[in-house]
C-alpha atoms as a PDB file:
ATOM      1  CA  MET A   1      23.131 244.663 208.698  1.00  0.00           C
ATOM      2  CA  GLY A   2      22.749 241.101 207.816  1.00  0.00           C
ATOM      3  CA  GLU A   3      19.584 239.542 206.653  1.00  0.00           C
ATOM      4  CA  ALA A   4      20.473 236.114 208.289  1.00  0.00           C
ATOM      5  CA  CYS A   5      19.341 234.442 211.594  1.00  0.00           C
ATOM      6  CA  ILE A   6      21.012 232.151 214.004  1.00  0.00           C
ATOM      7  CA  PRO A   7      19.486 228.493 213.527  1.00  0.00           C
ATOM      8  CA  THR A   8      16.699 227.285 215.659  1.00  0.00           C
ATOM      9  CA  VAL A   9      16.836 223.604 217.000  1.00  0.00           C
ATOM     10  CA  ASP A  10      13.819 221.279 218.166  1.00  0.00           C
ATOM     11  CA  LEU A  11      14.987 219.536 221.129  1.00  0.00           C
ATOM     12  CA  SER A  12      11.552 217.525 221.523  1.00  0.00           C
ATOM     13  CA  PRO A  13      13.284 214.530 219.849  1.00  0.00           C
ATOM     14  CA  PHE A  14      15.575 214.155 223.025  1.00  0.00           C
ATOM     15  CA  LEU A  15      12.422 214.284 225.171  1.00  0.00           C
ATOM     16  CA  ARG A  16      10.424 211.358 223.053  1.00  0.00           C
ATOM     17  CA  GLU A  17      13.385 209.259 221.942  1.00  0.00           C
ATOM     18  CA  ASP A  18      13.266 209.824 218.441  1.00  0.00           C
ATOM     19  CA  GLU A  19      16.606 208.622 217.476  1.00  0.00           C
ATOM     20  CA  ASP A  20      16.207 210.036 213.615  1.00  0.00           C
ATOM     21  CA  GLY A  21      15.029 213.487 215.015  1.00  0.00           C
ATOM     22  CA  LYS A  22      17.959 213.365 217.575  1.00  0.00           C
ATOM     23  CA  LYS A  23      20.539 212.789 214.685  1.00  0.00           C
ATOM     24  CA  ARG A  24      19.201 215.940 212.889  1.00  0.00           C
ATOM     25  CA  ALA A  25      19.390 218.253 215.944  1.00  0.00           C
ATOM     26  CA  ILE A  26      23.070 217.166 216.805  1.00  0.00           C
ATOM     27  CA  GLU A  27      23.957 217.918 213.178  1.00  0.00           C
ATOM     28  CA  ALA A  28      22.194 221.300 213.646  1.00  0.00           C
ATOM     29  CA  ILE A  29      23.888 222.227 216.574  1.00  0.00           C
ATOM     30  CA  THR A  30      27.371 221.267 215.720  1.00  0.00           C
ATOM     31  CA  GLN A  31      26.937 223.262 212.260  1.00  0.00           C
ATOM     32  CA  ALA A  32      25.617 226.339 214.488  1.00  0.00           C
ATOM     33  CA  CYS A  33      28.256 226.146 217.188  1.00  0.00           C
ATOM     34  CA  SER A  34      30.900 225.916 213.925  1.00  0.00           C
ATOM     35  CA  GLU A  35      29.314 228.907 212.034  1.00  0.00           C
ATOM     36  CA  TYR A  36      27.880 230.980 214.732  1.00  0.00           C
ATOM     37  CA  GLY A  37      28.617 230.488 218.346  1.00  0.00           C
ATOM     38  CA  PHE A  38      24.836 230.727 218.992  1.00  0.00           C
ATOM     39  CA  PHE A  39      21.470 228.695 218.533  1.00  0.00           C
ATOM     40  CA  GLN A  40      18.250 228.847 219.410  1.00  0.00           C
ATOM     41  CA  ILE A  41      16.232 225.882 220.955  1.00  0.00           C
ATOM     42  CA  VAL A  42      12.500 225.154 221.231  1.00  0.00           C
ATOM     43  CA  ASN A  43      10.642 222.420 222.701  1.00  0.00           C
ATOM     44  CA  HIS A  44      13.071 222.286 225.435  1.00  0.00           C
ATOM     45  CA  GLY A  45      10.990 221.242 228.323  1.00  0.00           C
ATOM     46  CA  VAL A  46      11.057 224.531 230.272  1.00  0.00           C
ATOM     47  CA  SER A  47       7.355 225.816 231.191  1.00  0.00           C
ATOM     48  CA  LEU A  48       6.424 228.593 228.982  1.00  0.00           C
ATOM     49  CA  ASP A  49       3.969 229.513 231.810  1.00  0.00           C
ATOM     50  CA  LEU A  50       7.102 229.673 234.512  1.00  0.00           C
ATOM     51  CA  VAL A  51       9.228 231.741 231.946  1.00  0.00           C
ATOM     52  CA  LYS A  52       6.155 234.195 231.764  1.00  0.00           C
ATOM     53  CA  GLU A  53       5.939 234.255 235.666  1.00  0.00           C
ATOM     54  CA  ALA A  54       9.592 234.960 235.967  1.00  0.00           C
ATOM     55  CA  MET A  55       9.459 237.745 233.768  1.00  0.00           C
ATOM     56  CA  GLN A  56       6.587 239.136 235.308  1.00  0.00           C
ATOM     57  CA  GLN A  57       8.183 238.795 238.848  1.00  0.00           C
ATOM     58  CA  SER A  58      11.534 240.329 237.753  1.00  0.00           C
ATOM     59  CA  LYS A  59       9.571 243.286 236.314  1.00  0.00           C
ATOM     60  CA  THR A  60       7.838 243.715 239.661  1.00  0.00           C
ATOM     61  CA  PHE A  61      11.083 243.893 241.412  1.00  0.00           C
ATOM     62  CA  PHE A  62      12.915 246.246 239.187  1.00  0.00           C
ATOM     63  CA  ASP A  63      10.119 248.785 239.503  1.00  0.00           C
ATOM     64  CA  TYR A  64      10.458 249.154 243.320  1.00  0.00           C
ATOM     65  CA  SER A  65      12.412 251.952 244.549  1.00  0.00           C
ATOM     66  CA  ASP A  66      16.172 251.804 244.668  1.00  0.00           C
ATOM     67  CA  GLU A  67      15.898 252.261 248.466  1.00  0.00           C
ATOM     68  CA  GLU A  68      13.875 248.948 248.429  1.00  0.00           C
ATOM     69  CA  LYS A  69      15.931 247.151 245.974  1.00  0.00           C
ATOM     70  CA  SER A  70      19.202 247.971 247.896  1.00  0.00           C
ATOM     71  CA  LYS A  71      17.639 245.944 250.563  1.00  0.00           C
ATOM     72  CA  SER A  72      18.765 242.752 248.738  1.00  0.00           C
ATOM     73  CA  SER A  73      22.473 243.990 247.908  1.00  0.00           C
ATOM     74  CA  PRO A  74      25.097 241.353 247.819  1.00  0.00           C
ATOM     75  CA  SER A  75      27.098 240.062 250.970  1.00  0.00           C
ATOM     76  CA  SER A  76      30.746 240.959 250.819  1.00  0.00           C
ATOM     77  CA  ASP A  77      31.912 237.468 250.685  1.00  0.00           C
ATOM     78  CA  ALA A  78      30.038 236.027 247.709  1.00  0.00           C
ATOM     79  CA  PRO A  79      32.282 234.913 244.785  1.00  0.00           C
ATOM     80  CA  LEU A  80      29.873 236.735 242.550  1.00  0.00           C
ATOM     81  CA  PRO A  81      27.490 239.901 243.534  1.00  0.00           C
ATOM     82  CA  ALA A  82      24.249 237.611 244.379  1.00  0.00           C
ATOM     83  CA  GLY A  83      21.392 239.674 244.950  1.00  0.00           C
ATOM     84  CA  TYR A  84      20.661 243.035 243.485  1.00  0.00           C
ATOM     85  CA  SER A  85      23.063 245.358 241.657  1.00  0.00           C
ATOM     86  CA  ARG A  86      23.293 248.119 239.528  1.00  0.00           C
ATOM     87  CA  GLN A  87      26.078 249.165 236.841  1.00  0.00           C
ATOM     88  CA  PRO A  88      28.157 252.141 238.356  1.00  0.00           C
ATOM     89  CA  LEU A  89      27.510 255.398 236.373  1.00  0.00           C
ATOM     90  CA  HIS A  90      30.902 255.421 234.712  1.00  0.00           C
ATOM     91  CA  SER A  91      30.362 251.923 233.056  1.00  0.00           C
ATOM     92  CA  PRO A  92      29.562 251.841 229.562  1.00  0.00           C
ATOM     93  CA  ASP A  93      27.149 249.107 230.433  1.00  0.00           C
ATOM     94  CA  LYS A  94      23.600 250.297 231.397  1.00  0.00           C
ATOM     95  CA  ASN A  95      21.589 247.941 233.515  1.00  0.00           C
ATOM     96  CA  GLU A  96      20.514 246.748 236.819  1.00  0.00           C
ATOM     97  CA  TYR A  97      20.242 242.899 237.713  1.00  0.00           C
ATOM     98  CA  PHE A  98      19.659 240.286 240.182  1.00  0.00           C
ATOM     99  CA  LEU A  99      21.739 237.363 240.419  1.00  0.00           C
ATOM    100  CA  PHE A 100      20.645 233.986 242.004  1.00  0.00           C
ATOM    101  CA  PHE A 101      22.898 230.995 242.904  1.00  0.00           C
ATOM    102  CA  SER A 102      21.365 227.548 243.284  1.00  0.00           C
ATOM    103  CA  PRO A 103      18.312 227.125 245.710  1.00  0.00           C
ATOM    104  CA  GLY A 104      19.611 226.854 249.112  1.00  0.00           C
ATOM    105  CA  SER A 105      23.104 228.359 248.386  1.00  0.00           C
ATOM    106  CA  SER A 106      24.163 230.417 251.507  1.00  0.00           C
ATOM    107  CA  PHE A 107      25.217 233.528 248.959  1.00  0.00           C
ATOM    108  CA  ASN A 108      21.428 234.091 248.019  1.00  0.00           C
ATOM    109  CA  VAL A 109      20.237 237.129 249.076  1.00  0.00           C
ATOM    110  CA  ILE A 110      16.422 237.090 248.678  1.00  0.00           C
ATOM    111  CA  PRO A 111      14.070 239.983 248.948  1.00  0.00           C
ATOM    112  CA  GLN A 112      11.043 239.714 250.791  1.00  0.00           C
ATOM    113  CA  ILE A 113       8.845 241.307 248.216  1.00  0.00           C
ATOM    114  CA  PRO A 114       7.532 240.292 245.685  1.00  0.00           C
ATOM    115  CA  PRO A 115       6.171 237.394 247.687  1.00  0.00           C
ATOM    116  CA  LYS A 116       6.770 234.897 244.741  1.00  0.00           C
ATOM    117  CA  PHE A 117       9.971 236.002 243.492  1.00  0.00           C
ATOM    118  CA  ARG A 118      11.813 233.385 245.432  1.00  0.00           C
ATOM    119  CA  ASP A 119       9.895 230.423 244.444  1.00  0.00           C
ATOM    120  CA  VAL A 120       9.690 231.470 240.776  1.00  0.00           C
ATOM    121  CA  LEU A 121      13.431 232.017 240.878  1.00  0.00           C
ATOM    122  CA  GLU A 122      14.091 228.488 242.573  1.00  0.00           C
ATOM    123  CA  GLU A 123      11.948 226.837 239.962  1.00  0.00           C
ATOM    124  CA  MET A 124      13.474 228.456 236.969  1.00  0.00           C
ATOM    125  CA  PHE A 125      16.644 227.441 238.256  1.00  0.00           C
ATOM    126  CA  VAL A 126      15.837 224.059 238.440  1.00  0.00           C
ATOM    127  CA  GLN A 127      13.987 223.646 235.067  1.00  0.00           C
ATOM    128  CA  MET A 128      16.754 225.248 233.304  1.00  0.00           C
ATOM    129  CA  SER A 129      19.333 223.352 235.272  1.00  0.00           C
ATOM    130  CA  LYS A 130      17.707 220.220 234.141  1.00  0.00           C
ATOM    131  CA  MET A 131      17.731 221.580 230.460  1.00  0.00           C
ATOM    132  CA  GLY A 132      21.473 222.042 230.851  1.00  0.00           C
ATOM    133  CA  VAL A 133      22.035 218.615 231.457  1.00  0.00           C
ATOM    134  CA  LEU A 134      20.452 217.776 228.366  1.00  0.00           C
ATOM    135  CA  LEU A 135      22.531 220.227 226.474  1.00  0.00           C
ATOM    136  CA  GLU A 136      25.880 219.131 228.090  1.00  0.00           C
ATOM    137  CA  SER A 137      25.301 215.794 226.745  1.00  0.00           C
ATOM    138  CA  ILE A 138      24.247 216.935 223.285  1.00  0.00           C
ATOM    139  CA  ILE A 139      27.472 219.062 223.102  1.00  0.00           C
ATOM    140  CA  ASN A 140      29.221 216.529 224.514  1.00  0.00           C
ATOM    141  CA  GLU A 141      28.515 214.349 221.561  1.00  0.00           C
ATOM    142  CA  CYS A 142      28.761 217.316 218.971  1.00  0.00           C
ATOM    143  CA  LEU A 143      32.386 217.668 220.182  1.00  0.00           C
ATOM    144  CA  GLY A 144      33.317 213.699 219.786  1.00  0.00           C
ATOM    145  CA  LEU A 145      34.126 213.550 223.314  1.00  0.00           C
ATOM    146  CA  PRO A 146      33.934 210.277 225.292  1.00  0.00           C
ATOM    147  CA  THR A 147      30.569 209.586 226.780  1.00  0.00           C
ATOM    148  CA  ASN A 148      29.763 211.426 229.821  1.00  0.00           C
ATOM    149  CA  PHE A 149      32.928 213.129 229.713  1.00  0.00           C
ATOM    150  CA  LEU A 150      31.700 216.574 230.374  1.00  0.00           C
ATOM    151  CA  LYS A 151      29.249 215.372 233.308  1.00  0.00           C
ATOM    152  CA  GLU A 152      32.127 213.608 234.935  1.00  0.00           C
ATOM    153  CA  PHE A 153      34.726 216.845 234.670  1.00  0.00           C
ATOM    154  CA  ASN A 154      31.998 219.282 235.479  1.00  0.00           C
ATOM    155  CA  HIS A 155      30.402 217.892 238.542  1.00  0.00           C
ATOM    156  CA  ASP A 156      30.346 220.775 240.669  1.00  0.00           C
ATOM    157  CA  ARG A 157      27.513 223.059 239.773  1.00  0.00           C
ATOM    158  CA  SER A 158      27.964 225.424 242.853  1.00  0.00           C
ATOM    159  CA  TRP A 159      29.095 228.296 240.350  1.00  0.00           C
ATOM    160  CA  ASP A 160      26.254 227.899 238.099  1.00  0.00           C
ATOM    161  CA  PHE A 161      23.796 231.130 238.543  1.00  0.00           C
ATOM    162  CA  LEU A 162      20.664 232.933 237.111  1.00  0.00           C
ATOM    163  CA  VAL A 163      20.390 236.344 236.654  1.00  0.00           C
ATOM    164  CA  ALA A 164      17.391 238.906 235.476  1.00  0.00           C
ATOM    165  CA  LEU A 165      18.569 241.873 233.658  1.00  0.00           C
ATOM    166  CA  ARG A 166      16.864 245.160 233.124  1.00  0.00           C
ATOM    167  CA  TYR A 167      18.451 247.370 230.599  1.00  0.00           C
ATOM    168  CA  PHE A 168      17.921 251.143 231.067  1.00  0.00           C
ATOM    169  CA  PRO A 169      16.230 253.156 228.444  1.00  0.00           C
ATOM    170  CA  ALA A 170      18.209 254.444 225.581  1.00  0.00           C
ATOM    171  CA  SER A 171      19.126 258.328 225.935  1.00  0.00           C
ATOM    172  CA  ASN A 172      20.598 260.945 223.422  1.00  0.00           C
ATOM    173  CA  ASN A 173      24.042 259.787 224.213  1.00  0.00           C
ATOM    174  CA  GLU A 174      23.643 256.207 225.012  1.00  0.00           C
ATOM    175  CA  ASN A 175      21.550 253.408 223.316  1.00  0.00           C
ATOM    176  CA  ASN A 176      23.654 250.375 224.588  1.00  0.00           C
ATOM    177  CA  GLY A 177      22.390 248.239 227.247  1.00  0.00           C
ATOM    178  CA  ILE A 178      25.583 245.938 227.525  1.00  0.00           C
ATOM    179  CA  THR A 179      28.675 246.566 225.239  1.00  0.00           C
ATOM    180  CA  GLU A 180      29.624 244.024 222.750  1.00  0.00           C
ATOM    181  CA  HIS A 181      31.635 240.844 224.360  1.00  0.00           C
ATOM    182  CA  GLU A 182      32.083 237.354 224.291  1.00  0.00           C
ATOM    183  CA  ASP A 183      31.093 235.244 227.356  1.00  0.00           C
ATOM    184  CA  GLY A 184      34.128 233.389 228.986  1.00  0.00           C
ATOM    185  CA  ASN A 185      32.169 230.600 230.565  1.00  0.00           C
ATOM    186  CA  ILE A 186      30.927 227.484 228.416  1.00  0.00           C
ATOM    187  CA  VAL A 187      27.430 228.121 227.600  1.00  0.00           C
ATOM    188  CA  THR A 188      24.700 230.607 228.424  1.00  0.00           C
ATOM    189  CA  PHE A 189      21.033 230.328 228.131  1.00  0.00           C
ATOM    190  CA  VAL A 190      19.139 233.625 227.524  1.00  0.00           C
ATOM    191  CA  VAL A 191      15.650 234.183 227.349  1.00  0.00           C
ATOM    192  CA  GLN A 192      14.577 237.489 226.105  1.00  0.00           C
ATOM    193  CA  ASP A 193      11.340 239.705 226.552  1.00  0.00           C
ATOM    194  CA  GLY A 194       9.404 241.172 223.711  1.00  0.00           C
ATOM    195  CA  VAL A 195      11.605 244.094 223.435  1.00  0.00           C
ATOM    196  CA  GLY A 196      14.459 242.502 221.647  1.00  0.00           C
ATOM    197  CA  GLY A 197      17.913 244.050 221.113  1.00  0.00           C
ATOM    198  CA  LEU A 198      19.900 240.835 221.138  1.00  0.00           C
ATOM    199  CA  GLN A 199      22.561 240.691 218.339  1.00  0.00           C
ATOM    200  CA  VAL A 200      25.160 238.033 217.249  1.00  0.00           C
ATOM    201  CA  LEU A 201      28.114 239.164 215.081  1.00  0.00           C
ATOM    202  CA  LYS A 202      28.844 237.032 212.232  1.00  0.00           C
ATOM    203  CA  ASN A 203      31.601 237.812 209.338  1.00  0.00           C
ATOM    204  CA  GLY A 204      31.498 241.519 210.237  1.00  0.00           C
ATOM    205  CA  ASP A 205      27.433 241.775 210.333  1.00  0.00           C
ATOM    206  CA  TRP A 206      25.483 242.240 213.251  1.00  0.00           C
ATOM    207  CA  VAL A 207      22.393 239.597 213.099  1.00  0.00           C
ATOM    208  CA  PRO A 208      19.451 240.825 215.071  1.00  0.00           C
ATOM    209  CA  VAL A 209      18.019 237.614 217.495  1.00  0.00           C
ATOM    210  CA  VAL A 210      14.447 238.444 217.254  1.00  0.00           C
ATOM    211  CA  PRO A 211      12.594 237.320 220.264  1.00  0.00           C
ATOM    212  CA  ALA A 212       9.926 234.436 220.195  1.00  0.00           C
ATOM    213  CA  GLU A 213       7.548 232.967 222.452  1.00  0.00           C
ATOM    214  CA  GLY A 214       8.936 229.528 223.925  1.00  0.00           C
ATOM    215  CA  THR A 215      12.637 230.071 222.455  1.00  0.00           C
ATOM    216  CA  ILE A 216      15.571 229.951 224.374  1.00  0.00           C
ATOM    217  CA  VAL A 217      18.905 231.335 222.826  1.00  0.00           C
ATOM    218  CA  VAL A 218      22.105 229.183 223.546  1.00  0.00           C
ATOM    219  CA  ASN A 219      25.481 231.043 223.437  1.00  0.00           C
ATOM    220  CA  VAL A 220      28.569 228.980 223.165  1.00  0.00           C
ATOM    221  CA  GLY A 221      31.189 230.463 225.173  1.00  0.00           C
ATOM    222  CA  ASP A 222      35.085 230.864 224.859  1.00  0.00           C
ATOM    223  CA  VAL A 223      35.836 227.386 226.758  1.00  0.00           C
ATOM    224  CA  ILE A 224      34.247 225.650 223.947  1.00  0.00           C
ATOM    225  CA  GLN A 225      36.035 227.492 221.218  1.00  0.00           C
ATOM    226  CA  VAL A 226      39.300 227.012 222.728  1.00  0.00           C
ATOM    227  CA  THR A 227      38.393 223.161 223.230  1.00  0.00           C
ATOM    228  CA  MET A 228      37.425 222.838 219.601  1.00  0.00           C
ATOM    229  CA  PHE A 229      40.391 224.368 218.289  1.00  0.00           C
ATOM    230  CA  LEU A 230      42.975 222.824 220.714  1.00  0.00           C
ATOM    231  CA  ASN A 231      41.481 219.659 221.503  1.00  0.00           C
ATOM    232  CA  ALA A 232      42.085 220.644 225.211  1.00  0.00           C
ATOM    233  CA  PRO A 233      39.520 218.329 227.507  1.00  0.00           C
ATOM    234  CA  LYS A 234      41.191 219.767 230.889  1.00  0.00           C
ATOM    235  CA  LEU A 235      39.496 223.132 229.995  1.00  0.00           C
ATOM    236  CA  TRP A 236      36.416 221.665 230.702  1.00  0.00           C
ATOM    237  CA  ALA A 237      37.034 221.338 234.552  1.00  0.00           C
ATOM    238  CA  ILE A 238      35.291 224.541 235.076  1.00  0.00           C
ATOM    239  CA  CYS A 239      31.559 225.772 235.176  1.00  0.00           C
ATOM    240  CA  LEU A 240      29.877 224.395 232.266  1.00  0.00           C
ATOM    241  CA  TYR A 241      26.628 226.564 232.084  1.00  0.00           C
ATOM    242  CA  ASP A 242      24.948 229.519 233.552  1.00  0.00           C
ATOM    243  CA  ILE A 243      21.305 230.710 233.266  1.00  0.00           C
ATOM    244  CA  ARG A 244      20.283 233.971 232.526  1.00  0.00           C
ATOM    245  CA  THR A 245      17.028 235.982 231.871  1.00  0.00           C
ATOM    246  CA  ILE A 246      16.836 239.125 230.056  1.00  0.00           C
ATOM    247  CA  THR A 247      13.994 241.294 231.117  1.00  0.00           C
END
């Protein structure tokens, strides 16, 4: 396994209007997108206390019985399975998850317990969406696109979602919570708990992404890769980012 680690970028210059700091951050993100397709961000504006509460609320929910969790199963008309779902037994992925669209979406299925779950999910969605807008503008500049290009061509945010995942314990036959994959969207944000396990493939080596408090992982998806190589702006007319937490 490789000894490298994915880059970490401080976003505080964008929150305090530090032009020199912004320039360094943009250079670091541009390089990270080219070499890894991943980077981590700190000082991003998302409340650490909120992240901790979201982790705790998610853990509490997943600790309920299967019968209780199944009360929040997705409706049949949702474009994605909003609410509680579990990977089928034959799936190589071993996890359960709770998916949440933007606050107020008619597709959301909200459990009655834990009582604070809904409020925490909604605030987490709002704060991470705000961070997403900032990353949108930064990546726009990294790609050398016209000002506000991504904002104008990605005005429909109705497909953005937040999902809490819990991976099942390893067994003698299976130790993989989710199989290796590339994200087919544009950008995914990942918040890890202290267990770890996330790895990034670079030059044939799997690089561990060690969890660190206050850090959010940014995964640049296939659409950005295609756009960088083919210079095809029309591909940006789909979902810009989704929001995920891993518990």
